[in-house]
Amino acid sequence: MSKRDFYDVLGVSRNATADELKKAYRTLAKKYHPDQNQGDKEAEQRFKELNEAYDVLKDEQSRAAYDQFGHAAFDGGMGGPRGAAPEPLQTSQATEPGTRICAFLPSKASSSVISIL
């Protein structure tokens, strides 16, 4: 099942301010909070969906990644679980001028090597 657009989940426009996001989240979180809807699985699911949407959209970097790549930014293929930044490049030490520098980007799917002369 595909996920709903995070802006739709919170009921805000794509150009909503941080304050508008927060206000929408708090209003909906109160409405669907498990303590207010005991035993209601649909409300519990909606509450989880709200939390996920707000977790992404409240952070400027996560929001930018979501705006650019959608849910794919957080599927693990973009650097790690929930869109975590990729691990830093590991470089060999260049000790002499003209020494080749190789950078290794760890990846589970394949091994990537970048050579810089």
N, C-alpha and C. Protein backbone atom coordinates (compact mmCIF):
# COMPACT_ATOMS: atom_id res chain seq x y z
N MET A 1 0.84 -1.18 0.00
CA MET A 1 0.00 0.00 0.00
C MET A 1 0.88 1.24 0.00
N SER A 2 0.57 2.21 -0.85
CA SER A 2 1.38 3.42 -0.90
C SER A 2 0.98 4.37 0.22
N LYS A 3 1.96 5.14 0.65
CA LYS A 3 1.72 6.08 1.74
C LYS A 3 1.06 7.34 1.21
N ARG A 4 0.28 7.96 2.06
CA ARG A 4 -0.35 9.23 1.72
C ARG A 4 0.69 10.35 1.76
N ASP A 5 0.45 11.37 0.99
CA ASP A 5 1.31 12.54 1.01
C ASP A 5 1.32 13.14 2.41
N PHE A 6 2.51 13.44 2.94
CA PHE A 6 2.62 13.94 4.31
C PHE A 6 1.90 15.28 4.50
N TYR A 7 1.87 16.11 3.48
CA TYR A 7 1.15 17.37 3.59
C TYR A 7 -0.35 17.12 3.69
N ASP A 8 -0.85 16.14 2.94
CA ASP A 8 -2.27 15.77 3.02
C ASP A 8 -2.60 15.18 4.39
N VAL A 9 -1.69 14.38 4.93
CA VAL A 9 -1.91 13.78 6.25
C VAL A 9 -2.14 14.86 7.29
N LEU A 10 -1.35 15.94 7.21
CA LEU A 10 -1.48 17.03 8.18
C LEU A 10 -2.50 18.08 7.76
N GLY A 11 -2.99 17.98 6.53
CA GLY A 11 -4.00 18.93 6.06
C GLY A 11 -3.46 20.32 5.84
N VAL A 12 -2.23 20.42 5.37
CA VAL A 12 -1.60 21.72 5.12
C VAL A 12 -1.11 21.79 3.67
N SER A 13 -0.83 23.00 3.22
CA SER A 13 -0.30 23.16 1.87
C SER A 13 1.22 22.93 1.90
N ARG A 14 1.79 22.74 0.72
CA ARG A 14 3.23 22.47 0.60
C ARG A 14 4.07 23.68 1.03
N ASN A 15 3.51 24.86 1.02
CA ASN A 15 4.28 26.02 1.45
C ASN A 15 3.92 26.47 2.87
N ALA A 16 3.40 25.55 3.65
CA ALA A 16 3.04 25.85 5.04
C ALA A 16 4.29 26.20 5.85
N THR A 17 4.12 27.14 6.77
CA THR A 17 5.23 27.52 7.64
C THR A 17 5.41 26.48 8.74
N ALA A 18 6.51 26.58 9.45
CA ALA A 18 6.78 25.66 10.57
C ALA A 18 5.68 25.78 11.62
N ASP A 19 5.21 26.99 11.87
CA ASP A 19 4.15 27.18 12.86
C ASP A 19 2.83 26.56 12.39
N GLU A 20 2.53 26.66 11.11
CA GLU A 20 1.31 26.05 10.57
C GLU A 20 1.38 24.52 10.66
N LEU A 21 2.55 23.96 10.37
CA LEU A 21 2.74 22.51 10.51
C LEU A 21 2.51 22.07 11.95
N LYS A 22 3.12 22.80 12.87
CA LYS A 22 3.02 22.45 14.29
C LYS A 22 1.57 22.53 14.77
N LYS A 23 0.88 23.59 14.38
CA LYS A 23 -0.51 23.77 14.80
C LYS A 23 -1.40 22.65 14.25
N ALA A 24 -1.23 22.33 12.97
CA ALA A 24 -2.02 21.25 12.36
C ALA A 24 -1.73 19.92 13.04
N TYR A 25 -0.44 19.65 13.29
CA TYR A 25 -0.07 18.40 13.94
C TYR A 25 -0.71 18.30 15.33
N ARG A 26 -0.57 19.34 16.12
CA ARG A 26 -1.10 19.29 17.49
C ARG A 26 -2.62 19.11 17.51
N THR A 27 -3.30 19.79 16.61
CA THR A 27 -4.76 19.66 16.55
C THR A 27 -5.16 18.22 16.22
N LEU A 28 -4.54 17.67 15.19
CA LEU A 28 -4.88 16.30 14.77
C LEU A 28 -4.38 15.25 15.76
N ALA A 29 -3.23 15.49 16.37
CA ALA A 29 -2.70 14.53 17.36
C ALA A 29 -3.63 14.43 18.56
N LYS A 30 -4.19 15.55 18.99
CA LYS A 30 -5.16 15.52 20.09
C LYS A 30 -6.40 14.72 19.69
N LYS A 31 -6.85 14.95 18.46
CA LYS A 31 -8.07 14.29 17.98
C LYS A 31 -7.89 12.77 17.88
N TYR A 32 -6.72 12.32 17.42
CA TYR A 32 -6.50 10.90 17.17
C TYR A 32 -5.64 10.20 18.22
N HIS A 33 -5.31 10.88 19.30
CA HIS A 33 -4.44 10.29 20.32
C HIS A 33 -5.09 9.02 20.89
N PRO A 34 -4.28 7.96 21.07
CA PRO A 34 -4.82 6.69 21.59
C PRO A 34 -5.55 6.81 22.93
N ASP A 35 -5.13 7.74 23.77
CA ASP A 35 -5.81 7.92 25.06
C ASP A 35 -7.24 8.45 24.88
N GLN A 36 -7.45 9.17 23.79
CA GLN A 36 -8.79 9.71 23.51
C GLN A 36 -9.65 8.73 22.71
N ASN A 37 -9.01 7.72 22.13
CA ASN A 37 -9.71 6.77 21.25
C ASN A 37 -9.34 5.33 21.60
N GLN A 38 -9.49 4.97 22.85
CA GLN A 38 -9.07 3.65 23.29
C GLN A 38 -9.79 2.55 22.51
N GLY A 39 -9.00 1.62 21.98
CA GLY A 39 -9.54 0.49 21.25
C GLY A 39 -9.85 0.78 19.79
N ASP A 40 -9.70 2.02 19.35
CA ASP A 40 -9.98 2.38 17.96
C ASP A 40 -8.70 2.24 17.14
N LYS A 41 -8.59 1.13 16.41
CA LYS A 41 -7.38 0.83 15.63
C LYS A 41 -7.17 1.85 14.51
N GLU A 42 -8.25 2.34 13.93
CA GLU A 42 -8.13 3.32 12.85
C GLU A 42 -7.54 4.63 13.37
N ALA A 43 -7.98 5.07 14.54
CA ALA A 43 -7.44 6.29 15.14
C ALA A 43 -5.98 6.08 15.51
N GLU A 44 -5.65 4.90 16.01
CA GLU A 44 -4.26 4.60 16.36
C GLU A 44 -3.36 4.65 15.13
N GLN A 45 -3.84 4.10 14.02
CA GLN A 45 -3.08 4.11 12.76
C GLN A 45 -2.91 5.54 12.26
N ARG A 46 -3.96 6.31 12.36
CA ARG A 46 -3.91 7.71 11.91
C ARG A 46 -2.92 8.50 12.76
N PHE A 47 -2.90 8.24 14.06
CA PHE A 47 -1.97 8.91 14.98
C PHE A 47 -0.53 8.60 14.59
N LYS A 48 -0.25 7.35 14.27
CA LYS A 48 1.10 6.95 13.85
C LYS A 48 1.47 7.66 12.55
N GLU A 49 0.52 7.73 11.63
CA GLU A 49 0.75 8.40 10.35
C GLU A 49 1.04 9.89 10.56
N LEU A 50 0.31 10.52 11.47
CA LEU A 50 0.54 11.93 11.79
C LEU A 50 1.94 12.14 12.35
N ASN A 51 2.35 11.26 13.25
CA ASN A 51 3.68 11.38 13.85
C ASN A 51 4.77 11.24 12.79
N GLU A 52 4.62 10.28 11.90
CA GLU A 52 5.61 10.08 10.85
C GLU A 52 5.69 11.31 9.94
N ALA A 53 4.54 11.84 9.56
CA ALA A 53 4.51 13.02 8.68
C ALA A 53 5.16 14.21 9.37
N TYR A 54 4.81 14.44 10.62
CA TYR A 54 5.37 15.60 11.32
C TYR A 54 6.86 15.43 11.58
N ASP A 55 7.31 14.23 11.89
CA ASP A 55 8.74 13.98 12.10
C ASP A 55 9.55 14.38 10.87
N VAL A 56 9.02 14.11 9.70
CA VAL A 56 9.73 14.45 8.46
C VAL A 56 9.63 15.94 8.17
N LEU A 57 8.43 16.49 8.25
CA LEU A 57 8.22 17.87 7.81
C LEU A 57 8.69 18.93 8.79
N LYS A 58 8.88 18.59 10.06
CA LYS A 58 9.32 19.60 11.02
C LYS A 58 10.81 19.92 10.88
N ASP A 59 11.57 19.01 10.30
CA ASP A 59 13.01 19.21 10.11
C ASP A 59 13.25 19.75 8.70
N GLU A 60 13.96 20.88 8.59
CA GLU A 60 14.16 21.53 7.29
C GLU A 60 14.84 20.62 6.28
N GLN A 61 15.87 19.89 6.70
CA GLN A 61 16.58 19.02 5.76
C GLN A 61 15.71 17.84 5.32
N SER A 62 15.01 17.24 6.26
CA SER A 62 14.13 16.12 5.92
C SER A 62 13.00 16.60 5.01
N ARG A 63 12.49 17.78 5.30
CA ARG A 63 11.40 18.33 4.48
C ARG A 63 11.88 18.59 3.05
N ALA A 64 13.07 19.14 2.92
CA ALA A 64 13.63 19.39 1.58
C ALA A 64 13.81 18.08 0.81
N ALA A 65 14.30 17.05 1.50
CA ALA A 65 14.46 15.75 0.85
C ALA A 65 13.11 15.18 0.45
N TYR A 66 12.12 15.31 1.31
CA TYR A 66 10.77 14.82 1.00
C TYR A 66 10.19 15.59 -0.18
N ASP A 67 10.37 16.92 -0.19
CA ASP A 67 9.86 17.73 -1.29
C ASP A 67 10.48 17.33 -2.62
N GLN A 68 11.76 16.95 -2.58
CA GLN A 68 12.45 16.59 -3.81
C GLN A 68 12.18 15.15 -4.25
N PHE A 69 12.21 14.20 -3.30
CA PHE A 69 12.14 12.79 -3.65
C PHE A 69 10.88 12.08 -3.18
N GLY A 70 10.05 12.74 -2.39
CA GLY A 70 8.86 12.09 -1.85
C GLY A 70 9.23 11.02 -0.83
N HIS A 71 8.41 10.00 -0.73
CA HIS A 71 8.65 8.94 0.24
C HIS A 71 9.92 8.15 -0.05
N ALA A 72 10.37 8.17 -1.30
CA ALA A 72 11.59 7.44 -1.67
C ALA A 72 12.80 7.94 -0.89
N ALA A 73 12.76 9.18 -0.43
CA ALA A 73 13.87 9.74 0.34
C ALA A 73 14.05 9.04 1.68
N PHE A 74 13.04 8.30 2.12
CA PHE A 74 13.08 7.69 3.45
C PHE A 74 12.89 6.18 3.41
N ASP A 75 13.03 5.59 2.23
CA ASP A 75 12.85 4.14 2.09
C ASP A 75 14.13 3.35 2.32
N GLY A 76 15.19 4.01 2.73
CA GLY A 76 16.44 3.29 2.99
C GLY A 76 17.37 3.28 1.79
N GLY A 77 16.87 3.56 0.61
CA GLY A 77 17.71 3.57 -0.57
C GLY A 77 18.44 4.88 -0.77
N MET A 78 18.13 5.87 0.04
CA MET A 78 18.73 7.17 -0.11
C MET A 78 19.75 7.44 1.00
N GLY A 79 20.44 6.42 1.44
CA GLY A 79 21.48 6.64 2.42
C GLY A 79 21.25 5.96 3.74
N GLY A 80 20.14 5.36 3.94
CA GLY A 80 19.94 4.66 5.20
C GLY A 80 18.50 4.69 5.63
N PRO A 81 18.24 4.13 6.78
CA PRO A 81 16.87 4.08 7.26
C PRO A 81 16.31 5.47 7.51
N ARG A 82 15.07 5.68 7.09
CA ARG A 82 14.36 6.95 7.27
C ARG A 82 15.13 8.13 6.70
N GLY A 83 15.92 7.86 5.64
CA GLY A 83 16.59 8.94 4.96
C GLY A 83 17.79 9.50 5.68
N ALA A 84 18.32 8.73 6.59
CA ALA A 84 19.51 9.20 7.31
C ALA A 84 20.60 9.52 6.31
N ALA A 85 21.42 10.46 6.66
CA ALA A 85 22.51 10.85 5.76
C ALA A 85 23.43 9.67 5.54
N PRO A 86 24.00 9.58 4.34
CA PRO A 86 24.94 8.50 4.09
C PRO A 86 26.16 8.63 5.00
N GLU A 87 26.81 7.51 5.21
CA GLU A 87 28.01 7.55 6.03
C GLU A 87 29.04 8.42 5.35
N PRO A 88 29.89 9.09 6.12
CA PRO A 88 30.91 9.94 5.50
C PRO A 88 31.84 9.11 4.63
N LEU A 89 32.37 9.77 3.61
CA LEU A 89 33.32 9.09 2.75
C LEU A 89 34.57 8.75 3.53
N GLN A 90 35.10 7.58 3.27
CA GLN A 90 36.36 7.17 3.89
C GLN A 90 37.44 7.37 2.84
N THR A 91 38.41 8.20 3.12
CA THR A 91 39.44 8.49 2.12
C THR A 91 40.78 7.98 2.59
N SER A 92 41.59 7.61 1.61
CA SER A 92 42.95 7.22 1.94
C SER A 92 43.76 8.50 2.16
N GLN A 93 44.83 8.40 2.90
CA GLN A 93 45.67 9.56 3.18
C GLN A 93 46.59 9.83 1.99
N ALA A 94 46.57 11.05 1.49
CA ALA A 94 47.49 11.45 0.43
C ALA A 94 48.72 12.07 1.09
N THR A 95 49.86 11.48 0.88
CA THR A 95 51.06 11.97 1.55
C THR A 95 51.98 12.75 0.63
N GLU A 96 51.86 12.55 -0.66
CA GLU A 96 52.73 13.26 -1.59
C GLU A 96 51.87 13.96 -2.64
N PRO A 97 52.37 15.10 -3.16
CA PRO A 97 51.62 15.76 -4.24
C PRO A 97 51.46 14.80 -5.42
N GLY A 98 50.30 14.83 -6.02
CA GLY A 98 50.04 13.97 -7.17
C GLY A 98 49.59 12.58 -6.79
N THR A 99 49.49 12.27 -5.50
CA THR A 99 49.03 10.96 -5.06
C THR A 99 47.53 10.85 -5.32
N ARG A 100 47.12 9.73 -5.81
CA ARG A 100 45.70 9.48 -6.09
C ARG A 100 44.95 9.31 -4.76
N ILE A 101 43.80 9.93 -4.69
CA ILE A 101 42.94 9.80 -3.51
C ILE A 101 41.72 8.98 -3.93
N CYS A 102 41.44 7.94 -3.19
CA CYS A 102 40.27 7.11 -3.46
C CYS A 102 39.29 7.26 -2.31
N ALA A 103 38.03 7.40 -2.66
CA ALA A 103 36.98 7.50 -1.64
C ALA A 103 36.07 6.29 -1.79
N PHE A 104 35.75 5.67 -0.69
CA PHE A 104 34.89 4.49 -0.69
C PHE A 104 33.58 4.84 -0.01
N LEU A 105 32.50 4.69 -0.73
CA LEU A 105 31.19 4.96 -0.19
C LEU A 105 30.54 3.63 0.14
N PRO A 106 30.43 3.29 1.43
CA PRO A 106 29.85 1.99 1.80
C PRO A 106 28.41 1.87 1.32
N SER A 107 28.09 0.73 0.78
CA SER A 107 26.74 0.47 0.30
C SER A 107 26.46 -1.02 0.41
N LYS A 108 25.25 -1.36 0.82
CA LYS A 108 24.88 -2.77 0.95
C LYS A 108 24.63 -3.38 -0.44
N ALA A 109 24.10 -2.59 -1.35
CA ALA A 109 23.76 -3.12 -2.66
C ALA A 109 24.99 -3.31 -3.54
N SER A 110 25.90 -2.37 -3.49
CA SER A 110 27.10 -2.47 -4.32
C SER A 110 28.20 -1.64 -3.69
N SER A 111 29.38 -1.86 -4.16
CA SER A 111 30.53 -1.12 -3.66
C SER A 111 30.83 0.01 -4.63
N SER A 112 30.96 1.22 -4.11
CA SER A 112 31.24 2.38 -4.96
C SER A 112 32.61 2.93 -4.60
N VAL A 113 33.40 3.22 -5.63
CA VAL A 113 34.72 3.81 -5.44
C VAL A 113 34.80 5.03 -6.33
N ILE A 114 35.23 6.13 -5.75
CA ILE A 114 35.40 7.36 -6.50
C ILE A 114 36.89 7.68 -6.48
N SER A 115 37.47 7.87 -7.65
CA SER A 115 38.89 8.20 -7.75
C SER A 115 39.04 9.66 -8.11
N ILE A 116 39.89 10.35 -7.41
CA ILE A 116 40.18 11.74 -7.69
C ILE A 116 41.69 11.85 -7.89
N LEU A 117 42.08 12.42 -9.00
CA LEU A 117 43.51 12.59 -9.27
C LEU A 117 43.99 13.92 -8.75
